[in-house]
C-alpha atoms as a PDB file:
ATOM      1  CA  UNK A   1       0.000   0.000   0.000  1.00  0.00           C
ATOM      2  CA  UNK A   2       2.812   2.415   0.862  1.00  0.00           C
ATOM      3  CA  UNK A   3       4.428   1.682  -2.468  1.00  0.00           C
ATOM      4  CA  UNK A   4       1.283   2.746  -4.362  1.00  0.00           C
ATOM      5  CA  UNK A   5       0.920   5.930  -2.316  1.00  0.00           C
ATOM      6  CA  UNK A   6       4.552   6.841  -3.015  1.00  0.00           C
ATOM      7  CA  UNK A   7       4.031   6.260  -6.758  1.00  0.00           C
ATOM      8  CA  UNK A   8       0.894   8.434  -6.768  1.00  0.00           C
ATOM      9  CA  UNK A   9       2.665  11.268  -4.894  1.00  0.00           C
ATOM     10  CA  UNK A  10       5.667  11.070  -7.226  1.00  0.00           C
ATOM     11  CA  UNK A  11       3.365  11.131 -10.282  1.00  0.00           C
ATOM     12  CA  UNK A  12       1.534  14.179  -8.974  1.00  0.00           C
ATOM     13  CA  UNK A  13       4.805  15.955  -8.328  1.00  0.00           C
ATOM     14  CA  UNK A  14       6.098  15.214 -11.831  1.00  0.00           C
ATOM     15  CA  UNK A  15       2.954  16.012 -13.802  1.00  0.00           C
ATOM     16  CA  UNK A  16       1.054  18.572 -11.710  1.00  0.00           C
ATOM     17  CA  UNK A  17       3.349  21.463 -12.631  1.00  0.00           C
ATOM     18  CA  UNK A  18       6.897  22.561 -12.347  1.00  0.00           C
ATOM     19  CA  UNK A  19       8.339  23.196  -8.900  1.00  0.00           C
ATOM     20  CA  UNK A  20      10.689  26.186  -8.592  1.00  0.00           C
ATOM     21  CA  UNK A  21      13.590  26.265  -6.201  1.00  0.00           C
ATOM     22  CA  UNK A  22      13.428  28.712  -3.349  1.00  0.00           C
ATOM     23  CA  UNK A  23      16.054  31.401  -3.481  1.00  0.00           C
ATOM     24  CA  UNK A  24      17.781  33.655  -0.945  1.00  0.00           C
ATOM     25  CA  UNK A  25      16.759  31.617   2.085  1.00  0.00           C
ATOM     26  CA  UNK A  26      18.528  32.255   5.405  1.00  0.00           C
ATOM     27  CA  UNK A  27      21.928  30.491   5.655  1.00  0.00           C
ATOM     28  CA  UNK A  28      21.986  29.715   1.903  1.00  0.00           C
ATOM     29  CA  UNK A  29      25.493  30.335   0.541  1.00  0.00           C
ATOM     30  CA  UNK A  30      26.980  31.089  -2.845  1.00  0.00           C
ATOM     31  CA  UNK A  31      30.414  31.493  -4.392  1.00  0.00           C
ATOM     32  CA  UNK A  32      30.783  34.612  -6.578  1.00  0.00           C
ATOM     33  CA  UNK A  33      33.439  35.237  -9.227  1.00  0.00           C
ATOM     34  CA  UNK A  34      33.615  38.746 -10.745  1.00  0.00           C
ATOM     35  CA  UNK A  35      35.513  40.710 -13.391  1.00  0.00           C
ATOM     36  CA  UNK A  36      35.291  44.512 -13.391  1.00  0.00           C
ATOM     37  CA  UNK A  37      36.525  47.519 -15.323  1.00  0.00           C
ATOM     38  CA  UNK A  38      38.030  50.234 -13.126  1.00  0.00           C
ATOM     39  CA  UNK A  39      38.027  53.993 -13.666  1.00  0.00           C
ATOM     40  CA  UNK A  40      36.783  54.034 -17.243  1.00  0.00           C
ATOM     41  CA  UNK A  41      36.374  51.946 -20.343  1.00  0.00           C
ATOM     42  CA  UNK A  42      39.993  51.289 -21.329  1.00  0.00           C
ATOM     43  CA  UNK A  43      41.180  47.840 -20.145  1.00  0.00           C
ATOM     44  CA  UNK A  44      44.656  48.228 -21.659  1.00  0.00           C
ATOM     45  CA  UNK A  45      46.783  51.158 -22.612  1.00  0.00           C
ATOM     46  CA  UNK A  46      48.168  53.878 -20.389  1.00  0.00           C
ATOM     47  CA  UNK A  47      44.980  54.753 -18.502  1.00  0.00           C
ATOM     48  CA  UNK A  48      43.131  51.443 -18.147  1.00  0.00           C
ATOM     49  CA  UNK A  49      42.182  49.460 -15.105  1.00  0.00           C
ATOM     50  CA  UNK A  50      40.520  46.170 -14.242  1.00  0.00           C
ATOM     51  CA  UNK A  51      39.851  43.945 -11.275  1.00  0.00           C
ATOM     52  CA  UNK A  52      39.103  40.306 -10.509  1.00  0.00           C
ATOM     53  CA  UNK A  53      37.527  38.995  -7.341  1.00  0.00           C
ATOM     54  CA  UNK A  54      35.902  36.081  -5.571  1.00  0.00           C
ATOM     55  CA  UNK A  55      33.551  36.115  -2.607  1.00  0.00           C
ATOM     56  CA  UNK A  56      31.348  33.970  -0.394  1.00  0.00           C
ATOM     57  CA  UNK A  57      27.852  35.348   0.138  1.00  0.00           C
ATOM     58  CA  UNK A  58      25.545  34.157   2.924  1.00  0.00           C
ATOM     59  CA  UNK A  59      21.871  35.120   2.902  1.00  0.00           C
ATOM     60  CA  UNK A  60      20.047  36.342   5.990  1.00  0.00           C
ATOM     61  CA  UNK A  61      16.413  37.056   6.775  1.00  0.00           C
ATOM     62  CA  UNK A  62      14.398  39.007   4.169  1.00  0.00           C
ATOM     63  CA  UNK A  63      16.869  38.099   1.406  1.00  0.00           C
ATOM     64  CA  UNK A  64      19.700  40.372   2.600  1.00  0.00           C
ATOM     65  CA  UNK A  65      23.246  39.001   2.439  1.00  0.00           C
ATOM     66  CA  UNK A  66      26.692  39.122   3.997  1.00  0.00           C
ATOM     67  CA  UNK A  67      29.604  39.114   1.534  1.00  0.00           C
ATOM     68  CA  UNK A  68      33.208  38.141   2.372  1.00  0.00           C
ATOM     69  CA  UNK A  69      35.891  37.964  -0.300  1.00  0.00           C
ATOM     70  CA  UNK A  70      39.040  39.214  -1.931  1.00  0.00           C
ATOM     71  CA  UNK A  71      39.897  41.301  -4.961  1.00  0.00           C
ATOM     72  CA  UNK A  72      42.855  42.203  -7.165  1.00  0.00           C
ATOM     73  CA  UNK A  73      42.735  45.610  -8.901  1.00  0.00           C
ATOM     74  CA  UNK A  74      45.304  46.855 -11.425  1.00  0.00           C
ATOM     75  CA  UNK A  75      45.174  50.500 -12.540  1.00  0.00           C
ATOM     76  CA  UNK A  76      47.607  51.975 -15.054  1.00  0.00           C
ATOM     77  CA  UNK A  77      48.524  55.623 -14.534  1.00  0.00           C
ATOM     78  CA  UNK A  78      49.859  57.467 -17.606  1.00  0.00           C
ATOM     79  CA  UNK A  79      53.420  58.759 -17.470  1.00  0.00           C
ATOM     80  CA  UNK A  80      54.994  60.366 -20.560  1.00  0.00           C
ATOM     81  CA  UNK A  81      54.901  57.650 -23.242  1.00  0.00           C
ATOM     82  CA  UNK A  82      54.447  54.784 -20.775  1.00  0.00           C
ATOM     83  CA  UNK A  83      52.456  53.790 -17.744  1.00  0.00           C
ATOM     84  CA  UNK A  84      52.928  53.233 -14.034  1.00  0.00           C
ATOM     85  CA  UNK A  85      50.977  50.229 -12.711  1.00  0.00           C
ATOM     86  CA  UNK A  86      49.261  50.430  -9.321  1.00  0.00           C
ATOM     87  CA  UNK A  87      48.085  47.072  -7.954  1.00  0.00           C
ATOM     88  CA  UNK A  88      45.757  46.665  -4.969  1.00  0.00           C
ATOM     89  CA  UNK A  89      45.107  43.408  -3.145  1.00  0.00           C
ATOM     90  CA  UNK A  90      42.109  43.804  -0.818  1.00  0.00           C
ATOM     91  CA  UNK A  91      39.912  41.729   1.473  1.00  0.00           C
ATOM     92  CA  UNK A  92      36.247  42.677   1.826  1.00  0.00           C
ATOM     93  CA  UNK A  93      33.496  42.191   4.366  1.00  0.00           C
ATOM     94  CA  UNK A  94      30.114  43.802   3.876  1.00  0.00           C
ATOM     95  CA  UNK A  95      26.343  43.708   4.216  1.00  0.00           C
ATOM     96  CA  UNK A  96      23.948  44.112   1.272  1.00  0.00           C
ATOM     97  CA  UNK A  97      20.258  45.029   1.609  1.00  0.00           C
ATOM     98  CA  UNK A  98      17.725  43.643  -0.868  1.00  0.00           C
ATOM     99  CA  UNK A  99      16.187  46.676  -2.571  1.00  0.00           C
ATOM    100  CA  UNK A 100      14.075  44.985  -5.221  1.00  0.00           C
ATOM    101  CA  UNK A 101      13.120  41.504  -6.411  1.00  0.00           C
ATOM    102  CA  UNK A 102      10.928  40.186  -9.197  1.00  0.00           C
ATOM    103  CA  UNK A 103       7.704  38.336  -8.254  1.00  0.00           C
ATOM    104  CA  UNK A 104       9.102  34.988  -9.475  1.00  0.00           C
ATOM    105  CA  UNK A 105      12.415  35.533  -7.581  1.00  0.00           C
ATOM    106  CA  UNK A 106      14.532  35.600 -10.735  1.00  0.00           C
ATOM    107  CA  UNK A 107      16.008  39.109 -10.483  1.00  0.00           C
ATOM    108  CA  UNK A 108      17.316  40.692  -7.263  1.00  0.00           C
ATOM    109  CA  UNK A 109      18.800  44.164  -6.768  1.00  0.00           C
ATOM    110  CA  UNK A 110      20.980  44.903  -3.718  1.00  0.00           C
ATOM    111  CA  UNK A 111      22.577  48.026  -2.236  1.00  0.00           C
ATOM    112  CA  UNK A 112      25.429  47.461   0.176  1.00  0.00           C
ATOM    113  CA  UNK A 113      28.439  48.779   2.014  1.00  0.00           C
ATOM    114  CA  UNK A 114      31.723  46.991   2.661  1.00  0.00           C
ATOM    115  CA  UNK A 115      34.876  47.485   4.682  1.00  0.00           C
ATOM    116  CA  UNK A 116      38.112  46.950   2.740  1.00  0.00           C
ATOM    117  CA  UNK A 117      41.694  46.379   3.846  1.00  0.00           C
ATOM    118  CA  UNK A 118      44.739  45.283   1.920  1.00  0.00           C
ATOM    119  CA  UNK A 119      48.038  46.191   0.287  1.00  0.00           C
ATOM    120  CA  UNK A 120      48.915  48.557  -2.555  1.00  0.00           C
ATOM    121  CA  UNK A 121      51.993  48.210  -4.753  1.00  0.00           C
ATOM    122  CA  UNK A 122      53.115  51.113  -6.966  1.00  0.00           C
ATOM    123  CA  UNK A 123      55.193  50.097 -10.026  1.00  0.00           C
ATOM    124  CA  UNK A 124      55.724  46.686  -8.371  1.00  0.00           C
ATOM    125  CA  UNK A 125      58.098  48.247  -5.835  1.00  0.00           C
ATOM    126  CA  UNK A 126      60.535  49.668  -8.429  1.00  0.00           C
ATOM    127  CA  UNK A 127      61.517  53.241  -7.499  1.00  0.00           C
ATOM    128  CA  UNK A 128      63.408  54.103 -10.704  1.00  0.00           C
ATOM    129  CA  UNK A 129      61.270  54.573 -13.823  1.00  0.00           C
ATOM    130  CA  UNK A 130      62.261  53.679 -17.391  1.00  0.00           C
ATOM    131  CA  UNK A 131      63.523  57.238 -18.089  1.00  0.00           C
ATOM    132  CA  UNK A 132      65.660  57.412 -14.924  1.00  0.00           C
ATOM    133  CA  UNK A 133      63.165  59.403 -12.833  1.00  0.00           C
ATOM    134  CA  UNK A 134      62.647  58.462  -9.197  1.00  0.00           C
ATOM    135  CA  UNK A 135      59.171  57.522  -8.048  1.00  0.00           C
ATOM    136  CA  UNK A 136      58.279  58.878  -4.603  1.00  0.00           C
ATOM    137  CA  UNK A 137      55.014  56.906  -4.196  1.00  0.00           C
ATOM    138  CA  UNK A 138      55.547  53.883  -1.994  1.00  0.00           C
ATOM    139  CA  UNK A 139      53.939  50.515  -1.351  1.00  0.00           C
ATOM    140  CA  UNK A 140      51.589  50.645   1.614  1.00  0.00           C
ATOM    141  CA  UNK A 141      48.817  48.992   3.564  1.00  0.00           C
ATOM    142  CA  UNK A 142      45.438  50.456   2.586  1.00  0.00           C
ATOM    143  CA  UNK A 143      42.033  50.558   4.264  1.00  0.00           C
ATOM    144  CA  UNK A 144      38.619  52.032   3.557  1.00  0.00           C
ATOM    145  CA  UNK A 145      35.255  51.025   2.215  1.00  0.00           C
ATOM    146  CA  UNK A 146      33.011  50.590  -0.779  1.00  0.00           C
ATOM    147  CA  UNK A 147      29.383  51.196  -1.658  1.00  0.00           C
ATOM    148  CA  UNK A 148      27.867  48.797  -4.183  1.00  0.00           C
ATOM    149  CA  UNK A 149      24.774  48.423  -6.329  1.00  0.00           C
ATOM    150  CA  UNK A 150      24.498  44.732  -7.210  1.00  0.00           C
ATOM    151  CA  UNK A 151      22.085  42.733  -9.413  1.00  0.00           C
ATOM    152  CA  UNK A 152      21.567  38.956  -9.534  1.00  0.00           C
ATOM    153  CA  UNK A 153      19.760  37.265 -12.430  1.00  0.00           C
ATOM    154  CA  UNK A 154      19.062  33.542 -11.894  1.00  0.00           C
ATOM    155  CA  UNK A 155      19.452  31.467 -15.074  1.00  0.00           C
ATOM    156  CA  UNK A 156      19.075  28.166 -13.188  1.00  0.00           C
ATOM    157  CA  UNK A 157      18.203  27.110  -9.657  1.00  0.00           C
ATOM    158  CA  UNK A 158      21.830  27.245  -8.517  1.00  0.00           C
ATOM    159  CA  UNK A 159      23.429  29.630 -11.048  1.00  0.00           C
ATOM    160  CA  UNK A 160      23.035  33.419 -11.220  1.00  0.00           C
ATOM    161  CA  UNK A 161      24.576  36.030 -13.480  1.00  0.00           C
ATOM    162  CA  UNK A 162      25.801  39.158 -11.684  1.00  0.00           C
ATOM    163  CA  UNK A 163      26.194  42.812 -12.613  1.00  0.00           C
ATOM    164  CA  UNK A 164      27.592  45.465 -10.283  1.00  0.00           C
ATOM    165  CA  UNK A 165      28.513  49.102  -9.961  1.00  0.00           C
ATOM    166  CA  UNK A 166      30.677  50.159  -7.036  1.00  0.00           C
ATOM    167  CA  UNK A 167      32.728  53.027  -5.684  1.00  0.00           C
ATOM    168  CA  UNK A 168      35.808  52.223  -3.590  1.00  0.00           C
ATOM    169  CA  UNK A 169      37.519  54.719  -1.298  1.00  0.00           C
ATOM    170  CA  UNK A 170      40.859  53.660   0.184  1.00  0.00           C
ATOM    171  CA  UNK A 171      43.320  55.546   2.397  1.00  0.00           C
ATOM    172  CA  UNK A 172      46.861  54.789   3.474  1.00  0.00           C
ATOM    173  CA  UNK A 173      48.466  54.720   0.011  1.00  0.00           C
ATOM    174  CA  UNK A 174      50.040  57.482  -2.049  1.00  0.00           C
ATOM    175  CA  UNK A 175      47.866  57.107  -5.140  1.00  0.00           C
ATOM    176  CA  UNK A 176      44.288  57.860  -6.133  1.00  0.00           C
ATOM    177  CA  UNK A 177      41.792  57.337  -3.283  1.00  0.00           C
ATOM    178  CA  UNK A 178      38.583  56.701  -5.276  1.00  0.00           C
ATOM    179  CA  UNK A 179      38.003  53.961  -7.859  1.00  0.00           C
ATOM    180  CA  UNK A 180      34.754  53.443  -9.769  1.00  0.00           C
ATOM    181  CA  UNK A 181      34.170  49.867 -10.898  1.00  0.00           C
ATOM    182  CA  UNK A 182      31.523  48.163 -13.024  1.00  0.00           C
ATOM    183  CA  UNK A 183      31.426  44.600 -14.209  1.00  0.00           C
ATOM    184  CA  UNK A 184      29.920  41.158 -14.534  1.00  0.00           C
ATOM    185  CA  UNK A 185      30.186  37.879 -12.698  1.00  0.00           C
ATOM    186  CA  UNK A 186      28.647  34.524 -11.951  1.00  0.00           C
ATOM    187  CA  UNK A 187      27.399  32.981  -8.710  1.00  0.00           C
ATOM    188  CA  UNK A 188      27.092  29.297  -7.842  1.00  0.00           C
ATOM    189  CA  UNK A 189      24.806  28.375  -4.929  1.00  0.00           C
ATOM    190  CA  UNK A 190      26.614  25.731  -2.869  1.00  0.00           C
ATOM    191  CA  UNK A 191      23.958  24.832  -0.258  1.00  0.00           C
END
């Protein structure tokens, strides 16, 4: 008898309609991988910048999330006919509030703030430039924060495409304090 009841329940589940996975439940976690442009639209050349990052996001009540991760940012500063690279390695911890979600829980928009800390290297530690000039900017530990506008678009139950716009402000180094970033990424839900 139990066997027949189980078959009937399974048949109803398969043929009665499609079940959708629940998203953004408390304690649900995802791994994010991102690629961003920094300070403009020129990835190469003498004034381009880009960043790569990975993070672990954990959802809380009401669909909000904690984000913990790391990021590598490389910004080229123009100098005569060449460029001076500035690399930043940062760790991030922040909280993002759900601002908007679609009725079917496919698209989510978040606004968040993060604390950042890390290390900045100017010209990879080389003080003498290619023309013999001496660079007075130094490598340093940096700290600050970021505000982010983030969007998640679920293409499958455990895979989401990401888009973000963020402004970073970092002190402690000798170079530019503010960096505007925009980019894309992908998130894999792991539990």
